[in-house]
């Protein structure tokens, strides 16, 4: 999935957060919905203008963002 075709960031739209192209629906918001138990079908029913590929692009964007992160342990775990 090439998320760059569907995800954009514009400093004048929702504070520059990554969003589904042509909407004010932030990737973060879509991921929160999924994390809280909504299915892709539920989301598409609530926002009929979206395509399944829009939600998949949000997930792919998040995967790329996490792939670039590195965890730094400051305090040892007990």
C-alpha atoms as a PDB file:
ATOM      1  CA  UNK A   1       0.000   0.000   0.000  1.00  0.00           C
ATOM      2  CA  UNK A   2       1.443   3.342  -1.049  1.00  0.00           C
ATOM      3  CA  UNK A   3      -0.004   5.646   1.581  1.00  0.00           C
ATOM      4  CA  UNK A   4       1.482   8.750  -0.060  1.00  0.00           C
ATOM      5  CA  UNK A   5      -1.277   8.610  -2.683  1.00  0.00           C
ATOM      6  CA  UNK A   6      -3.962   9.058  -0.009  1.00  0.00           C
ATOM      7  CA  UNK A   7      -2.368  10.801   2.986  1.00  0.00           C
ATOM      8  CA  UNK A   8      -1.359  14.438   2.959  1.00  0.00           C
ATOM      9  CA  UNK A   9      -0.285  17.102   5.448  1.00  0.00           C
ATOM     10  CA  UNK A  10      -1.101  20.761   4.970  1.00  0.00           C
ATOM     11  CA  UNK A  11      -0.129  23.317   7.634  1.00  0.00           C
ATOM     12  CA  UNK A  12      -3.471  25.079   7.021  1.00  0.00           C
ATOM     13  CA  UNK A  13      -5.593  21.974   7.607  1.00  0.00           C
ATOM     14  CA  UNK A  14      -5.986  20.499  11.118  1.00  0.00           C
ATOM     15  CA  UNK A  15      -2.716  22.013  12.234  1.00  0.00           C
ATOM     16  CA  UNK A  16      -0.645  20.181   9.641  1.00  0.00           C
ATOM     17  CA  UNK A  17      -1.445  16.712  10.970  1.00  0.00           C
ATOM     18  CA  UNK A  18      -1.367  13.907   8.399  1.00  0.00           C
ATOM     19  CA  UNK A  19      -4.903  13.418   7.069  1.00  0.00           C
ATOM     20  CA  UNK A  20      -6.798  11.547   4.419  1.00  0.00           C
ATOM     21  CA  UNK A  21      -6.462  13.584   1.225  1.00  0.00           C
ATOM     22  CA  UNK A  22      -9.408  15.907   0.602  1.00  0.00           C
ATOM     23  CA  UNK A  23     -10.756  15.560   4.155  1.00  0.00           C
ATOM     24  CA  UNK A  24     -10.170  16.883   7.629  1.00  0.00           C
ATOM     25  CA  UNK A  25      -9.946  13.329   8.971  1.00  0.00           C
ATOM     26  CA  UNK A  26      -6.579  12.922  10.650  1.00  0.00           C
ATOM     27  CA  UNK A  27      -4.678   9.658  10.441  1.00  0.00           C
ATOM     28  CA  UNK A  28      -4.442   9.817  14.241  1.00  0.00           C
ATOM     29  CA  UNK A  29      -8.253   9.957  14.518  1.00  0.00           C
ATOM     30  CA  UNK A  30      -8.738   6.990  12.198  1.00  0.00           C
ATOM     31  CA  UNK A  31      -6.183   4.951  14.163  1.00  0.00           C
ATOM     32  CA  UNK A  32      -7.931   5.868  17.425  1.00  0.00           C
ATOM     33  CA  UNK A  33     -11.227   4.612  16.000  1.00  0.00           C
ATOM     34  CA  UNK A  34      -9.640   1.317  14.989  1.00  0.00           C
ATOM     35  CA  UNK A  35      -7.817   0.979  18.320  1.00  0.00           C
ATOM     36  CA  UNK A  36     -11.113   1.464  20.137  1.00  0.00           C
ATOM     37  CA  UNK A  37     -12.816  -1.365  18.294  1.00  0.00           C
ATOM     38  CA  UNK A  38     -14.397   0.179  15.213  1.00  0.00           C
ATOM     39  CA  UNK A  39     -13.999  -1.940  12.124  1.00  0.00           C
ATOM     40  CA  UNK A  40     -13.157  -0.625   8.694  1.00  0.00           C
ATOM     41  CA  UNK A  41     -16.766  -1.388   7.732  1.00  0.00           C
ATOM     42  CA  UNK A  42     -18.027   0.695  10.680  1.00  0.00           C
ATOM     43  CA  UNK A  43     -15.858   3.631   9.646  1.00  0.00           C
ATOM     44  CA  UNK A  44     -16.954   3.416   6.015  1.00  0.00           C
ATOM     45  CA  UNK A  45     -20.581   3.341   7.111  1.00  0.00           C
ATOM     46  CA  UNK A  46     -20.097   6.516   9.195  1.00  0.00           C
ATOM     47  CA  UNK A  47     -18.059   8.272   6.454  1.00  0.00           C
ATOM     48  CA  UNK A  48     -19.443   6.986   3.128  1.00  0.00           C
ATOM     49  CA  UNK A  49     -17.110   9.258   1.156  1.00  0.00           C
ATOM     50  CA  UNK A  50     -14.106   7.213   2.277  1.00  0.00           C
ATOM     51  CA  UNK A  51     -12.771   4.136   0.528  1.00  0.00           C
ATOM     52  CA  UNK A  52     -11.291   1.080   2.252  1.00  0.00           C
ATOM     53  CA  UNK A  53      -7.944   2.116   0.746  1.00  0.00           C
ATOM     54  CA  UNK A  54      -8.092   5.365   2.755  1.00  0.00           C
ATOM     55  CA  UNK A  55      -8.167   3.418   6.018  1.00  0.00           C
ATOM     56  CA  UNK A  56      -5.469   1.026   4.800  1.00  0.00           C
ATOM     57  CA  UNK A  57      -3.344   4.070   3.928  1.00  0.00           C
ATOM     58  CA  UNK A  58      -3.700   5.329   7.512  1.00  0.00           C
ATOM     59  CA  UNK A  59      -2.477   1.977   8.823  1.00  0.00           C
ATOM     60  CA  UNK A  60       0.413   1.909   6.333  1.00  0.00           C
ATOM     61  CA  UNK A  61       1.387   5.462   7.301  1.00  0.00           C
ATOM     62  CA  UNK A  62       1.456   4.469  10.978  1.00  0.00           C
ATOM     63  CA  UNK A  63       3.552   1.380  10.198  1.00  0.00           C
ATOM     64  CA  UNK A  64       6.116   3.529   8.385  1.00  0.00           C
ATOM     65  CA  UNK A  65       6.154   6.089  11.200  1.00  0.00           C
ATOM     66  CA  UNK A  66       6.743   3.414  13.851  1.00  0.00           C
ATOM     67  CA  UNK A  67       9.356   1.680  11.717  1.00  0.00           C
ATOM     68  CA  UNK A  68      11.464   4.844  11.920  1.00  0.00           C
ATOM     69  CA  UNK A  69      11.216   5.108  15.729  1.00  0.00           C
ATOM     70  CA  UNK A  70      13.819   3.797  18.120  1.00  0.00           C
ATOM     71  CA  UNK A  71      13.034   3.178  21.760  1.00  0.00           C
ATOM     72  CA  UNK A  72      15.527   4.583  24.214  1.00  0.00           C
ATOM     73  CA  UNK A  73      15.413   3.168  27.731  1.00  0.00           C
ATOM     74  CA  UNK A  74      16.142   5.870  30.266  1.00  0.00           C
ATOM     75  CA  UNK A  75      15.404   3.879  33.434  1.00  0.00           C
ATOM     76  CA  UNK A  76      16.014   0.164  33.782  1.00  0.00           C
ATOM     77  CA  UNK A  77      12.851  -1.937  33.863  1.00  0.00           C
ATOM     78  CA  UNK A  78      12.242  -3.763  37.141  1.00  0.00           C
END
